[in-house]
Amino acid sequence: MSSTHTNEAAIGGVGVGSYTAPEAARLLRTSALNLNRWLRGYTYRRRGEERQMPPLWASQHADVQEHLEIGFRDLIELRFVKAFVDAGMGLLAIRNCLEYARECVRDERPFSTRRFQTDGRTIFLESIERASEPKLLDLKKRQYVFKQVIERTFKDLDVEDDTVARWRPFHGKSSIVIDPGRAFGQPIASQFGVPTVALAEAAEAEGSAEDAARIFEVPVGVVRDAINFEEGLARAA
């Protein structure tokens, strides 16, 4: 167990999930630099003056000072931020939506809630109204894109007790799960608890998915899903 995960257990964070910025970036298929900018803020110069952009929110592991440590809810919120950015939304519009959503949902991490799943588009439009943003010509397009992002992103998330409880990151299949209550939130074969990276590495070392399946006593289809999942992450890196 890494020192990162030891720290999580030490602070009683079991069930919270624990990821370094590079680990989270790998799962989200983005850069650790983006995650650090979004959760640690950054400085920039405008008209010769240095300005500070604050973090979008404080990490669930904000007490870890030496590096950015991210919890499972943070991971899901960041997944939404990335999806909105990829869809062409500016960070200011995302920040405004996030702040308004916090008030509506009454949760510091509103994107990963059942309320946002059902009312996200309305919250987005109301946040634009409240921010007095110029009524852009493509508002209807933005509204449609926002709705598509919410529907697509929630498709492989399991919501329980009004918040996201699990992520099925391999095309939404149930064979692989990211669950903060298991293996510190690392991707695992859902029915068997074996980390996907262990299954993929065993298949490579043994020369076949069948041999890895025998070693871990799991169906060969689960090993193949783990291999494809890990290869997809590697390609995106």
Protein backbone atom coordinates (compact mmCIF):
# COMPACT_ATOMS: atom_id res chain seq x y z
CA MET A 1 0.00 0.00 0.00
CA SER A 2 1.38 3.40 -0.94
CA SER A 3 1.93 6.19 1.56
CA THR A 4 -0.96 8.00 -0.12
CA HIS A 5 -3.37 5.23 0.70
CA THR A 6 -1.92 4.78 4.17
CA ASN A 7 -2.68 8.44 4.76
CA GLU A 8 -6.29 7.92 3.72
CA ALA A 9 -6.74 5.08 6.21
CA ALA A 10 -5.00 7.10 8.91
CA ILE A 11 -7.48 9.98 8.59
CA GLY A 12 -10.44 7.62 8.58
CA GLY A 13 -11.10 8.25 4.91
CA VAL A 14 -12.02 4.71 3.93
CA GLY A 15 -14.91 5.01 1.52
CA VAL A 16 -13.72 8.41 0.31
CA GLY A 17 -11.31 7.15 -2.36
CA SER A 18 -7.77 8.39 -2.78
CA TYR A 19 -5.97 9.47 -5.96
CA THR A 20 -2.88 11.50 -6.71
CA ALA A 21 -3.22 14.01 -9.55
CA PRO A 22 -1.44 11.67 -12.03
CA GLU A 23 -3.69 8.74 -11.00
CA ALA A 24 -6.85 10.82 -11.39
CA ALA A 25 -5.61 12.36 -14.65
CA ARG A 26 -5.04 8.88 -16.06
CA LEU A 27 -8.62 7.82 -15.23
CA LEU A 28 -10.06 11.07 -16.59
CA ARG A 29 -7.83 11.01 -19.69
CA THR A 30 -6.54 14.51 -19.12
CA SER A 31 -3.38 16.09 -17.73
CA ALA A 32 -2.35 16.39 -14.09
CA LEU A 33 -1.66 20.06 -14.88
CA ASN A 34 -5.36 20.62 -15.64
CA LEU A 35 -6.40 18.99 -12.36
CA ASN A 36 -3.91 21.08 -10.39
CA ARG A 37 -5.18 24.27 -12.07
CA TRP A 38 -8.80 23.37 -11.33
CA LEU A 39 -8.30 22.27 -7.70
CA ARG A 40 -5.31 24.36 -6.63
CA GLY A 41 -5.92 27.51 -8.63
CA TYR A 42 -3.31 29.37 -10.66
CA THR A 43 -1.86 32.81 -11.33
CA TYR A 44 -1.90 34.67 -14.63
CA ARG A 45 -0.90 38.07 -15.93
CA ARG A 46 -3.34 40.55 -17.42
CA ARG A 47 -2.32 44.02 -18.56
CA GLY A 48 1.00 43.55 -16.79
CA GLU A 49 -0.68 42.69 -13.50
CA GLU A 50 -0.46 39.30 -11.80
CA ARG A 51 -3.85 37.87 -10.86
CA GLN A 52 -4.92 34.83 -8.88
CA MET A 53 -7.57 32.37 -10.03
CA PRO A 54 -8.89 30.46 -7.00
CA PRO A 55 -9.58 26.70 -7.00
CA LEU A 56 -13.00 25.53 -8.15
CA TRP A 57 -13.35 23.80 -4.76
CA ALA A 58 -11.26 22.32 -1.94
CA SER A 59 -10.27 18.68 -2.35
CA GLN A 60 -11.71 16.02 -0.03
CA HIS A 61 -8.09 15.49 1.06
CA ALA A 62 -7.27 19.17 1.51
CA ASP A 63 -5.23 18.33 4.63
CA VAL A 64 -2.60 16.68 2.40
CA GLN A 65 -0.27 19.62 1.75
CA GLU A 66 2.68 18.15 -0.14
CA HIS A 67 0.70 17.27 -3.27
CA LEU A 68 -2.81 17.35 -4.67
CA GLU A 69 -4.77 14.40 -3.28
CA ILE A 70 -8.22 13.78 -4.72
CA GLY A 71 -11.25 11.90 -3.34
CA PHE A 72 -13.85 9.95 -5.32
CA ARG A 73 -16.44 12.74 -5.27
CA ASP A 74 -13.72 15.13 -6.47
CA LEU A 75 -12.94 12.68 -9.27
CA ILE A 76 -16.55 12.64 -10.47
CA GLU A 77 -16.85 16.44 -10.24
CA LEU A 78 -13.64 16.79 -12.25
CA ARG A 79 -15.02 14.38 -14.82
CA PHE A 80 -17.94 16.76 -15.33
CA VAL A 81 -15.64 19.79 -15.52
CA LYS A 82 -13.58 18.05 -18.20
CA ALA A 83 -16.73 17.04 -20.12
CA PHE A 84 -17.99 20.63 -20.07
CA VAL A 85 -14.60 21.98 -21.19
CA ASP A 86 -14.43 19.37 -23.96
CA ALA A 87 -17.92 20.49 -25.07
CA GLY A 88 -16.64 24.04 -25.48
CA MET A 89 -17.77 25.66 -22.24
CA GLY A 90 -15.47 28.27 -20.74
CA LEU A 91 -14.16 27.86 -17.21
CA LEU A 92 -15.96 31.02 -16.06
CA ALA A 93 -19.34 29.63 -17.17
CA ILE A 94 -18.51 26.33 -15.44
CA ARG A 95 -17.51 28.18 -12.26
CA ASN A 96 -20.73 30.22 -12.30
CA CYS A 97 -22.80 27.08 -12.83
CA LEU A 98 -20.91 25.29 -10.05
CA GLU A 99 -21.48 28.12 -7.57
CA TYR A 100 -25.17 28.37 -8.38
CA ALA A 101 -25.57 24.57 -8.30
CA ARG A 102 -24.04 24.51 -4.80
CA GLU A 103 -26.81 26.83 -3.61
CA CYS A 104 -29.54 24.80 -5.35
CA VAL A 105 -28.29 21.37 -4.31
CA ARG A 106 -26.78 22.42 -0.96
CA ASP A 107 -23.72 20.30 -1.57
CA GLU A 108 -20.11 21.44 -2.03
CA ARG A 109 -19.83 18.98 -4.93
CA PRO A 110 -23.15 19.42 -6.73
CA PHE A 111 -22.31 17.89 -10.12
CA SER A 112 -22.16 14.40 -8.57
CA THR A 113 -25.68 14.52 -7.08
CA ARG A 114 -29.03 13.11 -8.11
CA ARG A 115 -30.47 16.63 -8.12
CA PHE A 116 -27.96 17.73 -10.75
CA GLN A 117 -28.77 14.64 -12.79
CA THR A 118 -32.42 15.70 -12.98
CA ASP A 119 -32.17 19.51 -12.87
CA GLY A 120 -28.71 20.23 -14.28
CA ARG A 121 -29.88 21.91 -17.47
CA THR A 122 -32.23 24.23 -15.57
CA ILE A 123 -29.48 25.06 -13.06
CA PHE A 124 -27.11 25.85 -15.93
CA LEU A 125 -29.56 28.21 -17.64
CA GLU A 126 -30.44 29.95 -14.36
CA SER A 127 -26.73 30.38 -13.58
CA ILE A 128 -26.28 32.18 -16.92
CA GLU A 129 -29.25 34.44 -16.12
CA ARG A 130 -27.91 35.24 -12.67
CA ALA A 131 -24.39 35.92 -13.91
CA SER A 132 -25.81 38.39 -16.43
CA GLU A 133 -23.76 36.72 -19.13
CA PRO A 134 -24.40 38.11 -22.61
CA LYS A 135 -27.12 36.19 -24.39
CA LEU A 136 -24.94 34.47 -26.93
CA LEU A 137 -26.37 33.52 -30.29
CA ASP A 138 -25.58 29.88 -29.63
CA LEU A 139 -27.43 29.70 -26.30
CA LYS A 140 -29.77 27.01 -27.60
CA LYS A 141 -26.80 25.04 -28.83
CA ARG A 142 -25.06 25.43 -25.46
CA GLN A 143 -28.24 24.31 -23.71
CA TYR A 144 -28.44 21.21 -25.93
CA VAL A 145 -24.73 20.40 -25.45
CA PHE A 146 -25.08 20.79 -21.69
CA LYS A 147 -28.05 18.42 -21.63
CA GLN A 148 -26.12 15.88 -23.73
CA VAL A 149 -23.09 16.09 -21.42
CA ILE A 150 -25.22 15.44 -18.33
CA GLU A 151 -27.06 12.50 -19.89
CA ARG A 152 -23.90 10.94 -21.31
CA THR A 153 -21.80 11.42 -18.17
CA PHE A 154 -24.42 10.06 -15.77
CA LYS A 155 -24.98 7.01 -18.00
CA ASP A 156 -22.15 5.00 -16.39
CA LEU A 157 -22.58 6.34 -12.85
CA ASP A 158 -24.54 4.63 -10.06
CA VAL A 159 -26.38 7.09 -7.81
CA GLU A 160 -27.34 6.07 -4.27
CA ASP A 161 -28.59 8.22 -1.38
CA ASP A 162 -28.71 11.25 -3.71
CA THR A 163 -25.00 11.15 -4.64
CA VAL A 164 -22.82 9.21 -7.06
CA ALA A 165 -21.65 6.01 -5.38
CA ARG A 166 -19.81 4.20 -8.20
CA TRP A 167 -18.41 4.71 -11.69
CA ARG A 168 -18.43 1.96 -14.33
CA PRO A 169 -15.56 3.34 -16.44
CA PHE A 170 -15.33 0.67 -19.18
CA HIS A 171 -18.10 1.66 -21.62
CA GLY A 172 -20.55 1.47 -18.71
CA LYS A 173 -20.10 -2.31 -18.41
CA SER A 174 -20.65 -3.78 -14.95
CA SER A 175 -17.48 -5.92 -15.14
CA ILE A 176 -15.23 -3.04 -14.00
CA VAL A 177 -16.06 -0.57 -11.26
CA ILE A 178 -14.53 2.37 -9.41
CA ASP A 179 -16.03 2.29 -5.93
CA PRO A 180 -14.60 4.47 -3.13
CA GLY A 181 -15.52 1.78 -0.60
CA ARG A 182 -13.32 -0.83 -2.30
CA ALA A 183 -9.57 -0.84 -3.00
CA PHE A 184 -9.35 2.89 -2.16
CA GLY A 185 -11.35 3.63 -5.30
CA GLN A 186 -8.93 2.02 -7.75
CA PRO A 187 -10.49 0.28 -10.82
CA ILE A 188 -11.30 -3.34 -10.00
CA ALA A 189 -13.13 -6.33 -11.45
CA SER A 190 -16.44 -5.61 -9.77
CA GLN A 191 -17.45 -9.16 -8.78
CA PHE A 192 -14.00 -10.27 -7.71
CA GLY A 193 -12.25 -7.20 -6.28
CA VAL A 194 -9.03 -7.71 -8.28
CA PRO A 195 -7.44 -4.49 -9.58
CA THR A 196 -7.64 -4.22 -13.35
CA VAL A 197 -3.97 -3.33 -13.53
CA ALA A 198 -3.09 -6.61 -11.77
CA LEU A 199 -5.16 -8.64 -14.22
CA ALA A 200 -3.68 -6.86 -17.25
CA GLU A 201 -0.12 -7.23 -15.96
CA ALA A 202 -0.67 -10.92 -15.19
CA ALA A 203 -1.96 -11.54 -18.71
CA GLU A 204 1.11 -9.86 -20.16
CA ALA A 205 3.49 -11.74 -17.85
CA GLU A 206 1.84 -15.13 -18.39
CA GLY A 207 1.32 -14.61 -22.11
CA SER A 208 -2.45 -15.00 -22.21
CA ALA A 209 -5.71 -13.84 -20.68
CA GLU A 210 -6.60 -17.49 -20.02
CA ASP A 211 -3.55 -18.03 -17.80
CA ALA A 212 -4.24 -14.84 -15.87
CA ALA A 213 -7.85 -15.92 -15.41
CA ARG A 214 -6.71 -19.23 -13.92
CA ILE A 215 -4.29 -17.53 -11.53
CA PHE A 216 -6.90 -15.11 -10.18
CA GLU A 217 -9.82 -17.53 -10.54
CA VAL A 218 -11.92 -15.12 -12.57
CA PRO A 219 -13.69 -15.56 -15.93
CA VAL A 220 -11.46 -14.93 -18.93
CA GLY A 221 -13.94 -12.30 -20.18
CA VAL A 222 -13.25 -10.23 -17.07
CA VAL A 223 -9.51 -10.38 -17.77
CA ARG A 224 -10.06 -9.31 -21.36
CA ASP A 225 -12.17 -6.35 -20.21
CA ALA A 226 -9.40 -5.39 -17.78
CA ILE A 227 -6.79 -5.61 -20.55
CA ASN A 228 -8.87 -3.49 -22.93
CA PHE A 229 -9.64 -0.96 -20.19
CA GLU A 230 -5.97 -0.57 -19.19
CA GLU A 231 -4.86 -0.39 -22.83
CA GLY A 232 -7.44 2.36 -23.44
CA LEU A 233 -6.06 4.38 -20.54
CA ALA A 234 -2.51 3.90 -21.82
CA ARG A 235 -3.47 5.04 -25.33
CA ALA A 236 -5.10 8.17 -23.95
CA ALA A 237 -2.08 9.10 -21.84
